Protein backbone atom coordinates (compact mmCIF):
# COMPACT_ATOMS: atom_id res chain seq x y z
CA MET A 1 -1.77 -32.45 0.49
CA CYS A 2 0.76 -29.46 -0.97
CA GLN A 3 2.06 -29.45 -4.77
CA LEU A 4 5.59 -28.36 -4.84
CA VAL A 5 6.72 -26.33 -8.66
CA ASN A 6 10.50 -26.95 -9.36
CA GLY A 7 11.73 -27.61 -6.42
CA LEU A 8 12.14 -29.49 -3.16
CA GLY A 9 9.88 -29.53 -0.35
CA THR A 10 10.02 -27.63 3.24
CA ARG A 11 10.23 -30.18 6.09
CA ASP A 12 5.91 -30.21 6.65
CA VAL A 13 5.15 -30.41 2.88
CA GLN A 14 4.43 -33.34 0.99
CA ALA A 15 5.53 -32.49 -2.61
CA SER A 16 3.87 -33.85 -5.31
CA PRO A 17 4.23 -33.12 -9.46
CA ASP A 18 2.74 -29.83 -10.51
CA SER A 19 0.57 -31.75 -12.70
CA ALA A 20 -3.20 -30.59 -11.44
CA HIS A 21 -5.44 -28.86 -13.23
CA GLY A 22 -3.92 -29.15 -16.91
CA ARG A 23 -0.95 -27.28 -15.56
CA GLY A 24 2.39 -28.21 -16.47
CA ARG A 25 5.73 -27.72 -14.07
CA GLY A 26 6.78 -24.90 -16.30
CA ALA A 27 3.81 -23.47 -16.04
CA ILE A 28 3.89 -20.03 -15.64
CA ILE A 29 1.77 -18.44 -13.09
CA ALA A 30 -0.13 -14.97 -13.57
CA PRO A 31 -1.94 -14.30 -10.22
CA LYS A 32 -4.51 -11.89 -9.74
CA VAL A 33 -3.72 -11.05 -6.57
CA LEU A 34 -0.18 -11.16 -4.62
CA ILE A 35 -0.27 -10.99 -0.67
CA ILE A 36 3.16 -9.51 0.78
CA SER A 37 3.93 -10.29 4.12
CA MET A 38 6.82 -8.99 6.44
CA PHE A 39 7.23 -11.99 8.87
CA TYR A 40 5.77 -15.19 9.88
CA ASP A 41 3.12 -14.07 11.73
CA GLU A 42 1.53 -12.25 9.17
CA ALA A 43 1.84 -15.03 6.71
CA ASP A 44 0.30 -17.50 8.87
CA ILE A 45 -3.11 -15.68 9.76
CA TRP A 46 -3.34 -16.68 5.74
CA TYR A 47 -2.40 -20.04 5.65
CA ASN A 48 -4.75 -21.02 8.67
CA ARG A 49 -7.75 -18.71 7.39
CA MET A 50 -7.97 -18.27 4.03
CA PRO A 51 -10.85 -20.51 2.99
CA ASN A 52 -9.10 -21.54 -0.53
CA ASN A 53 -6.07 -23.33 0.78
CA LEU A 54 -2.79 -20.77 -0.15
CA SER A 55 -0.60 -23.88 0.25
CA ALA A 56 -2.17 -25.86 -1.78
CA VAL A 57 1.06 -24.94 -4.35
CA LEU A 58 4.54 -23.72 -2.94
CA ILE A 59 7.05 -22.67 -5.50
CA PRO A 60 10.33 -22.03 -4.70
CA VAL A 61 12.15 -18.96 -6.20
CA PRO A 62 15.98 -18.83 -5.96
CA GLY A 63 16.96 -15.24 -3.90
CA LEU A 64 13.81 -15.34 -1.92
CA HIS A 65 14.58 -15.39 2.25
CA MET A 66 16.06 -18.33 3.73
CA LEU A 67 13.37 -18.08 5.83
CA TYR A 68 10.08 -17.73 3.41
CA PRO A 69 12.03 -20.29 0.45
CA ASN A 70 8.54 -19.98 -1.19
CA VAL A 71 5.42 -18.66 -2.58
CA HIS A 72 2.22 -20.16 -2.01
CA CYS A 73 -0.76 -20.04 -3.99
CA THR A 74 -4.10 -21.56 -4.42
CA SER A 75 -4.32 -24.49 -6.67
CA ASP A 76 -5.97 -22.10 -9.28
CA ARG A 77 -3.13 -19.86 -9.12
CA SER A 78 -5.43 -16.83 -8.87
CA VAL A 79 -3.94 -15.61 -5.40
CA CYS A 80 -0.48 -16.29 -4.38
CA GLN A 81 1.50 -14.75 -1.02
CA VAL A 82 5.46 -14.29 0.19
CA THR A 83 7.06 -13.26 3.03
CA THR A 84 9.70 -10.87 2.44
CA GLY A 85 11.35 -10.97 6.08
CA GLU A 86 11.48 -7.91 8.10
CA ALA A 87 13.36 -4.23 7.44
CA GLU A 88 13.74 -2.92 4.07
CA ILE A 89 16.95 -4.91 3.01
CA ASN A 90 15.02 -8.11 2.99
CA ALA A 91 12.08 -6.70 1.53
CA ALA A 92 13.50 -5.10 -1.05
CA ALA A 93 15.99 -8.63 -2.08
CA THR A 94 12.82 -10.54 -1.58
CA ILE A 95 10.80 -8.67 -4.02
CA THR A 96 13.94 -8.19 -6.44
CA ALA A 97 14.08 -11.85 -6.96
CA LEU A 98 10.45 -12.80 -7.22
CA VAL A 99 9.75 -9.92 -9.96
CA LEU A 100 12.64 -11.16 -11.94
CA SER A 101 11.79 -15.16 -11.41
CA LEU A 102 10.93 -16.37 -15.06
CA LYS A 103 8.26 -18.25 -13.24
CA PHE A 104 5.70 -15.40 -12.92
CA ASP A 105 3.73 -13.32 -14.71
CA PHE A 106 2.68 -9.98 -12.85
CA ARG A 107 1.66 -7.72 -15.09
CA SER A 108 -1.75 -7.98 -14.56
CA THR A 109 -1.39 -8.57 -10.35
CA TYR A 110 -2.47 -6.58 -8.15
CA PHE A 111 0.45 -6.11 -5.40
CA LEU A 112 -1.41 -6.37 -1.63
CA VAL A 113 1.48 -5.09 1.16
CA CYS A 114 -0.25 -6.16 4.43
CA GLY A 115 1.05 -5.89 7.62
CA ILE A 116 0.95 -5.09 11.22
CA ALA A 117 2.27 -1.44 12.63
CA GLY A 118 2.68 1.15 14.96
CA VAL A 119 -0.35 3.51 15.04
CA ASN A 120 -0.41 7.17 15.63
CA PRO A 121 -3.63 7.63 18.08
CA LYS A 122 -4.77 11.15 16.53
CA TYR A 123 -6.02 8.62 13.45
CA SER A 124 -6.52 5.05 14.44
CA THR A 125 -5.97 2.47 17.14
CA LEU A 126 -5.18 -0.97 18.52
CA GLY A 127 -6.32 -3.36 15.75
CA GLY A 128 -7.57 -0.22 13.26
CA VAL A 129 -6.76 -0.87 9.71
CA ALA A 130 -5.27 1.61 7.55
CA ILE A 131 -5.00 2.17 3.65
CA ALA A 132 -2.40 4.26 1.93
CA ARG A 133 -2.25 6.77 -0.89
CA TYR A 134 1.80 7.65 0.76
CA VAL A 135 3.95 6.11 1.88
CA VAL A 136 7.09 7.58 3.53
CA GLN A 137 10.75 6.55 4.33
CA VAL A 138 10.72 9.17 7.42
CA ALA A 139 14.30 8.40 8.48
CA LEU A 140 16.17 9.16 5.35
CA GLN A 141 17.40 12.15 7.07
CA TYR A 142 20.88 13.01 8.88
CA GLU A 143 20.61 12.12 12.60
CA PHE A 144 21.94 13.42 15.82
CA ASP A 145 22.40 11.69 19.00
CA ALA A 146 19.55 13.66 21.00
CA ARG A 147 22.05 14.42 23.89
CA GLU A 148 24.24 16.58 21.59
CA MET A 149 21.52 17.71 19.46
CA PRO A 150 21.44 21.89 19.21
CA LYS A 151 19.39 22.90 22.35
CA ASN A 152 16.77 24.76 19.89
CA PHE A 153 16.32 21.59 18.13
CA THR A 154 12.78 19.84 18.22
CA SER A 155 14.40 16.70 16.74
CA PRO A 156 17.31 14.74 16.24
CA TYR A 157 16.51 14.61 12.45
CA MET A 158 17.16 17.36 10.04
CA ALA A 159 16.89 17.00 6.30
CA TYR A 160 19.83 16.55 3.47
CA GLY A 161 21.22 19.24 2.97
CA THR A 162 19.63 22.00 5.57
CA SER A 163 20.34 23.23 8.56
CA ALA A 164 17.56 22.51 10.75
CA PRO A 165 14.35 20.34 11.19
CA GLY A 166 11.40 21.41 9.33
CA GLN A 167 13.27 22.49 6.05
CA TYR A 168 12.64 20.78 3.08
CA PRO A 169 14.95 18.89 1.84
CA ALA A 170 17.68 20.55 -0.57
CA TRP A 171 18.16 17.23 -2.58
CA PHE A 172 16.87 13.22 -2.30
CA TYR A 173 18.17 9.57 -3.18
CA GLY A 174 14.48 8.98 -4.66
CA THR A 175 12.95 6.62 -2.24
CA GLU A 176 11.93 8.74 0.08
CA VAL A 177 8.03 9.20 -0.71
CA MET A 178 5.94 7.10 -2.96
CA GLU A 179 2.29 8.32 -4.09
CA LEU A 180 -0.04 4.95 -4.86
CA ASN A 181 -3.37 4.74 -7.06
CA GLU A 182 -5.77 6.96 -4.56
CA ALA A 183 -9.32 5.87 -7.09
CA LEU A 184 -8.05 2.05 -5.81
CA ARG A 185 -7.33 2.70 -2.80
CA ASP A 186 -11.00 3.97 -2.14
CA LYS A 187 -12.50 0.83 -3.88
CA VAL A 188 -10.48 -2.07 -2.16
CA TRP A 189 -11.83 0.64 1.16
CA THR A 190 -15.36 -0.19 -0.11
CA TYR A 191 -14.28 -4.04 0.48
CA ALA A 192 -12.51 -3.36 3.50
CA SER A 193 -14.80 -0.96 5.23
CA ARG A 194 -17.30 -3.59 5.30
CA ALA A 195 -15.26 -5.96 7.04
CA VAL A 196 -16.40 -6.90 10.81
CA LEU A 197 -13.19 -5.94 12.98
CA SER A 198 -12.63 -7.70 15.98
CA ASP A 199 -11.97 -6.32 19.76
CA SER A 200 -10.15 -7.57 22.73
CA ASP A 201 -10.34 -6.62 26.22
CA ALA A 202 -6.99 -6.03 26.70
CA ALA A 203 -7.02 -3.55 23.72
CA ILE A 204 -10.17 -1.46 24.88
CA SER A 205 -8.63 -1.46 28.66
CA TYR A 206 -4.98 0.29 26.87
CA ARG A 207 -6.88 2.55 24.44
CA ALA A 208 -8.81 4.29 27.62
CA ARG A 209 -5.23 5.35 28.93
CA TYR A 210 -5.80 8.14 26.27
CA LYS A 211 -8.61 9.33 26.99
CA HIS A 212 -6.88 12.08 29.10
CA ILE A 213 -4.83 13.10 26.87
CA GLY A 214 -7.71 14.90 25.41
CA LYS A 215 -11.20 14.25 23.09
CA THR A 216 -10.48 16.18 20.20
CA VAL A 217 -6.71 15.58 19.42
CA PHE A 218 -6.85 11.30 20.09
CA GLN A 219 -10.45 10.57 19.50
CA ALA A 220 -9.60 7.88 17.11
CA ALA A 221 -7.54 6.26 20.09
CA TRP A 222 -9.96 5.29 22.49
CA GLY A 223 -12.32 4.48 19.76
CA PRO A 224 -12.92 0.96 18.43
CA PRO A 225 -11.44 -0.92 15.15
CA SER A 226 -12.04 1.16 11.72
CA VAL A 227 -10.75 0.88 8.49
CA VAL A 228 -9.60 4.42 7.78
CA LYS A 229 -7.32 5.88 4.91
CA CYS A 230 -4.70 7.14 5.79
CA ASP A 231 -0.08 6.89 5.24
CA ALA A 232 2.35 5.06 6.31
CA ALA A 233 6.03 5.90 7.46
CA THR A 234 9.20 3.93 6.97
CA SER A 235 11.58 3.43 8.86
CA ASP A 236 14.42 0.54 9.98
CA VAL A 237 14.88 1.49 13.61
CA TYR A 238 12.03 0.00 15.62
CA TYR A 239 11.13 3.55 17.10
CA THR A 240 8.73 4.86 20.00
CA GLY A 241 7.91 8.08 21.43
CA ALA A 242 6.04 11.13 21.39
CA LEU A 243 9.15 13.47 20.21
CA LEU A 244 10.26 10.94 17.22
CA SER A 245 6.14 10.14 16.51
CA GLU A 246 5.67 13.67 16.28
CA ALA A 247 9.15 14.52 14.51
CA PHE A 248 8.00 11.85 11.66
CA GLU A 249 4.74 13.18 11.46
CA ASN A 250 5.85 16.21 10.95
CA VAL A 251 7.97 15.05 8.11
CA THR A 252 5.02 13.42 6.44
CA THR A 253 3.15 16.24 6.38
CA LEU A 254 6.32 18.46 4.67
CA TRP A 255 7.10 15.94 2.15
CA THR A 256 3.87 15.41 0.87
CA ASN A 257 3.44 19.19 0.47
CA GLY A 258 0.40 19.10 3.61
CA THR A 259 -1.38 15.72 1.63
CA GLY A 260 -0.23 13.04 3.60
CA ARG A 261 -1.52 11.72 7.65
CA TYR A 262 1.30 9.83 8.96
CA CYS A 263 -0.69 7.05 10.82
CA MET A 264 1.11 3.61 10.24
CA THR A 265 4.38 3.18 11.02
CA ALA A 266 6.74 -0.10 9.64
CA GLN A 267 9.98 -1.31 8.59
CA GLU A 268 9.52 -2.32 5.03
CA ASP A 269 7.29 -0.26 2.43
CA ASN A 270 9.42 2.36 1.10
CA ALA A 271 11.84 -0.63 -0.11
CA THR A 272 9.00 -2.94 -1.26
CA LEU A 273 7.38 0.27 -3.40
CA GLU A 274 10.87 1.18 -4.80
CA VAL A 275 11.45 -2.00 -6.38
CA LEU A 276 7.97 -1.80 -7.77
CA VAL A 277 8.78 1.47 -9.55
CA ARG A 278 12.03 -0.26 -10.89
CA MET A 279 9.71 -3.34 -12.41
CA ALA A 280 7.18 -0.99 -13.87
CA ILE A 281 9.89 1.22 -15.78
CA GLU A 282 10.56 -2.28 -17.26
CA GLY A 283 7.11 -3.47 -17.90
CA LEU A 284 7.52 -6.15 -15.23
CA VAL A 285 4.77 -4.89 -13.11
CA ASP A 286 1.97 -2.08 -12.93
CA PHE A 287 2.29 0.38 -10.43
CA SER A 288 -1.56 1.36 -10.66
CA ARG A 289 -2.04 -2.19 -8.99
CA VAL A 290 -0.18 -1.96 -5.42
CA ILE A 291 -1.90 -1.54 -2.62
CA VAL A 292 -0.40 -0.96 1.14
CA VAL A 293 -2.61 -2.14 4.19
CA ARG A 294 -1.37 -2.01 7.74
CA SER A 295 -2.98 -2.87 11.05
CA GLY A 296 -2.36 -0.87 14.30
CA ALA A 297 -0.25 -3.43 16.66
CA ASP A 298 0.96 -0.94 19.31
CA PHE A 299 0.97 2.72 20.00
CA ASP A 300 3.72 4.57 18.47
CA ARG A 301 3.59 7.49 21.49
CA PRO A 302 2.71 6.16 25.13
CA PRO A 303 -0.31 7.65 26.86
CA PRO A 304 0.42 9.79 30.35
CA GLY A 305 1.81 8.38 33.40
CA VAL A 306 3.55 5.59 31.20
CA SER A 307 7.62 6.38 29.68
CA PRO A 308 8.30 5.19 26.36
CA TYR A 309 10.54 2.86 27.88
CA GLU A 310 7.59 0.80 29.66
CA HIS A 311 5.20 1.65 26.28
CA LEU A 312 7.55 -0.45 24.50
CA THR A 313 8.67 -3.25 26.72
CA ALA A 314 5.77 -3.90 29.26
CA TYR A 315 2.20 -3.14 27.18
CA ASN A 316 3.93 -3.61 23.43
CA GLY A 317 1.56 -6.87 23.14
CA ALA A 318 -2.04 -5.06 23.96
CA GLY A 319 -2.30 -5.20 20.24
CA PHE A 320 -0.32 -7.76 18.48
CA GLU A 321 -3.04 -10.57 18.43
CA LEU A 322 -5.69 -8.18 17.57
CA SER A 323 -4.12 -6.43 14.76
CA LEU A 324 -2.87 -9.92 13.23
CA ASP A 325 -6.85 -11.04 13.55
CA ASN A 326 -8.15 -7.34 11.70
CA LEU A 327 -5.25 -7.19 8.99
CA TYR A 328 -6.85 -10.64 7.91
CA ASN A 329 -10.60 -9.55 8.45
CA ALA A 330 -9.72 -6.64 6.41
CA GLY A 331 -6.79 -8.03 3.83
CA ILE A 332 -9.22 -11.21 2.97
CA ALA A 333 -12.34 -9.21 2.28
CA ILE A 334 -9.66 -7.00 -0.62
CA VAL A 335 -8.81 -10.47 -2.24
CA ASN A 336 -12.10 -11.46 -2.08
CA GLY A 337 -13.39 -8.52 -3.81
CA ILE A 338 -10.73 -8.51 -6.25
CA VAL A 339 -11.13 -11.86 -7.51
CA SER A 340 -14.94 -11.55 -7.43
CA ASP A 341 -15.05 -8.49 -9.42
CA TRP A 342 -12.15 -9.59 -11.78
CA ASN A 343 -13.82 -9.47 -15.20
CA THR A 344 -16.36 -6.24 -14.52
CA VAL A 345 -13.70 -4.09 -12.52
CA PHE A 346 -9.87 -5.20 -11.78
CA ALA A 347 -9.00 -6.98 -15.17
CA ALA A 348 -9.04 -4.00 -17.13
CA GLY A 349 -7.23 -1.95 -14.09
CA ILE A 350 -8.40 0.98 -12.50
CA LYS A 351 -7.18 4.18 -13.82
CA ALA A 352 -5.20 6.47 -11.33
CA THR A 353 -6.45 9.96 -11.35
CA ASN A 354 -3.37 11.01 -8.88
CA TYR A 355 0.30 10.83 -9.83
CA ILE A 356 1.53 7.47 -9.35
CA GLY A 357 5.35 6.57 -8.38
CA ASP A 358 8.15 7.81 -6.57
CA ILE A 359 9.54 11.55 -6.03
CA PHE A 360 11.68 11.51 -9.16
CA GLY A 361 8.83 11.25 -11.44
CA SER A 362 10.32 7.78 -12.98
CA LEU A 363 6.99 6.98 -13.94
CA PRO A 364 4.98 8.91 -16.35
CA GLY A 365 3.28 12.38 -14.54
CA GLN A 366 4.25 15.61 -12.31
CA PRO A 367 4.54 14.57 -8.71
CA ASP A 368 2.37 16.22 -6.53
CA PHE A 369 5.05 16.68 -4.08
CA GLY A 370 8.63 17.44 -3.91
CA THR A 371 10.16 19.63 -6.47
CA GLY A 372 8.63 18.25 -9.99
CA SER A 373 10.00 14.90 -12.32
CA LEU A 374 12.99 14.92 -13.33
CA THR A 375 11.58 13.31 -16.62
CA GLY A 376 9.81 16.10 -17.47
CA GLY A 377 6.53 14.15 -16.77
CA LYS A 378 7.60 11.70 -19.23
CA GLY A 379 8.99 8.25 -17.05
CA TYR A 380 11.88 6.48 -17.54
CA GLY A 381 12.00 3.87 -20.38
CA PRO A 382 13.68 0.41 -19.86
CA MET A 383 16.88 0.38 -18.83
CA ALA A 384 17.34 -3.41 -19.94
CA SER A 385 19.36 -2.55 -23.25
CA MET A 386 21.67 -0.17 -21.42
CA LEU A 387 22.66 -2.55 -18.76
CA PHE A 388 25.95 -3.67 -20.79
CA HIS A 389 26.95 -0.61 -22.46
CA PRO A 390 30.67 0.05 -20.85
CA ARG A 391 29.96 4.01 -20.67
CA LEU A 392 26.54 3.96 -18.83
CA ARG A 393 27.04 4.13 -15.43
CA GLY A 394 25.21 5.02 -12.55
CA ARG A 395 26.48 7.28 -10.15
CA GLY A 396 23.82 9.08 -8.92
CA MET A 397 21.29 11.66 -9.31
CA SER A 398 23.81 14.85 -8.59
CA THR A 399 25.59 12.89 -12.65
CA ILE A 400 22.35 12.71 -14.16
CA ALA A 401 22.95 14.63 -17.47
CA LYS A 402 20.38 15.83 -20.24
CA LYS A 403 21.32 15.27 -23.28
CA ARG A 404 19.15 15.94 -26.58
CA GLY A 405 15.67 16.28 -24.67
CA ARG A 406 16.53 13.18 -23.27
CA LEU A 407 18.14 11.56 -19.85
CA VAL A 408 20.97 9.41 -20.54
CA MET A 409 23.55 7.95 -17.48
CA PRO A 410 27.01 10.31 -18.02
CA ARG A 411 30.42 8.85 -19.84
CA GLY A 412 32.55 7.30 -17.76
CA ASP A 413 35.74 8.63 -16.92
CA ASP A 414 38.36 5.97 -18.47
C-alpha cells in the first residue's frame, strides 16, 4: 500500500493518510537523495527494483508533468524520485515546480540525474555508464540546412556571433556549459565502479561492428560495459550520424577549453542544471551536490556498412534494455553509498576543488571555461527581494550594467 501526501491517488495507488512513522500530512520532506528520471522506463526500474519501496509515499506537486504528477519516496523519506518528462522544457518546468514547492527542503539533498543516452563509441559502449563533470548544450548555435551550408563547412552549426564552425562564441545565453563538483563525481564513481554491470547478446553483436573502424579509436565501443568519467551533451533534437556527432564533440572540447570529453548525448541535462543553479543562488539547493549519470542505449553514430537512417530505425534497440539495467545497477550503488555514508561523508558535503556552476559565473568562483565570471567571482545574490521592483527588468546579458561595484538590472524605459 502506498501513502499519499496532500492529494488524490493515482488509479493504481491505494491512498492512506501520511501519518506513519510519526509524520503528519504537513511535514516538510528533506530527502538525502532525489533521483531525477526523464520518462517512464527510467523511472520504472527504480519502482520495480529498489529494495526500499520507492512508492511507499506519493507526494503530488502542482506543476509537475501531467503524466508524472507525483514525487515518489521511501517510507523514511530518505530517498525520493521525480520524473520530469522528456526534453529541455519539460525538465525545466518540472524541476522549477518541485524545488519551489513548500513540501520539500532540498538544501542538503543530493540530486542524482539518472537517465539513458546516446553514447560516443570513442569513450564507452552500449550499457556503459558515464558520470559527468561537464554538461554542454551543444545545439544552442546558428544552424543551416546541411544542403545549403557553405561548401567549406564541416558542420551545419556555428556558434553565435561567429562566421564559421570551430570558432569560439562571441556571446552566450548562459546555459551552454555547466560544470559539476569533480570531487563528488570521483567519490560516487568509486561506488558505481564496484557495481556488477549486465551485458546482452544483442549488444555484444552490434558492438562488434565497430571493430572494423579501428581498434585504437573505438576500442571502448566493442568492449564490455564499464563506469567511466566523461561528459554529456544536451540537445532537444535527437540526432544521429558521424558528422553531427563529431561536430558536437568538437563543440564540447572548444566550449570547455579542451577539458570536456563528449561521451553521452541526452535531451534534458542543461535545463535541469540551469534550474538548480538559479535555485542555488536563492539558497534553496546546494549545487555542489548535483550528480549526472547517463547509460548508453545506442551509439551516436553508425558502424561501417550501416547508414545513419538504418542505425536509427533498424538497430536502435540493441542497447535499450541493457542501458536501463545498468543505469539502475550503477545508480543504486551511488544511492546506497550516499545513504550509508551520510553521517561520515555526505551530510557535511564534499567540498568542490573546481569551479561549479554555469558559464556566466552565476555562482561564486571563476569558471575554467568561457571568458570569465560576469560577477568577478562573487556570484549573484538572491533576487527574491528584487522581483517586485517596477524598474528592475530582466533584459538579457547585453543590458546588464555595473553600478557601484555591484551587478544590477538596468532601469526601465518609462
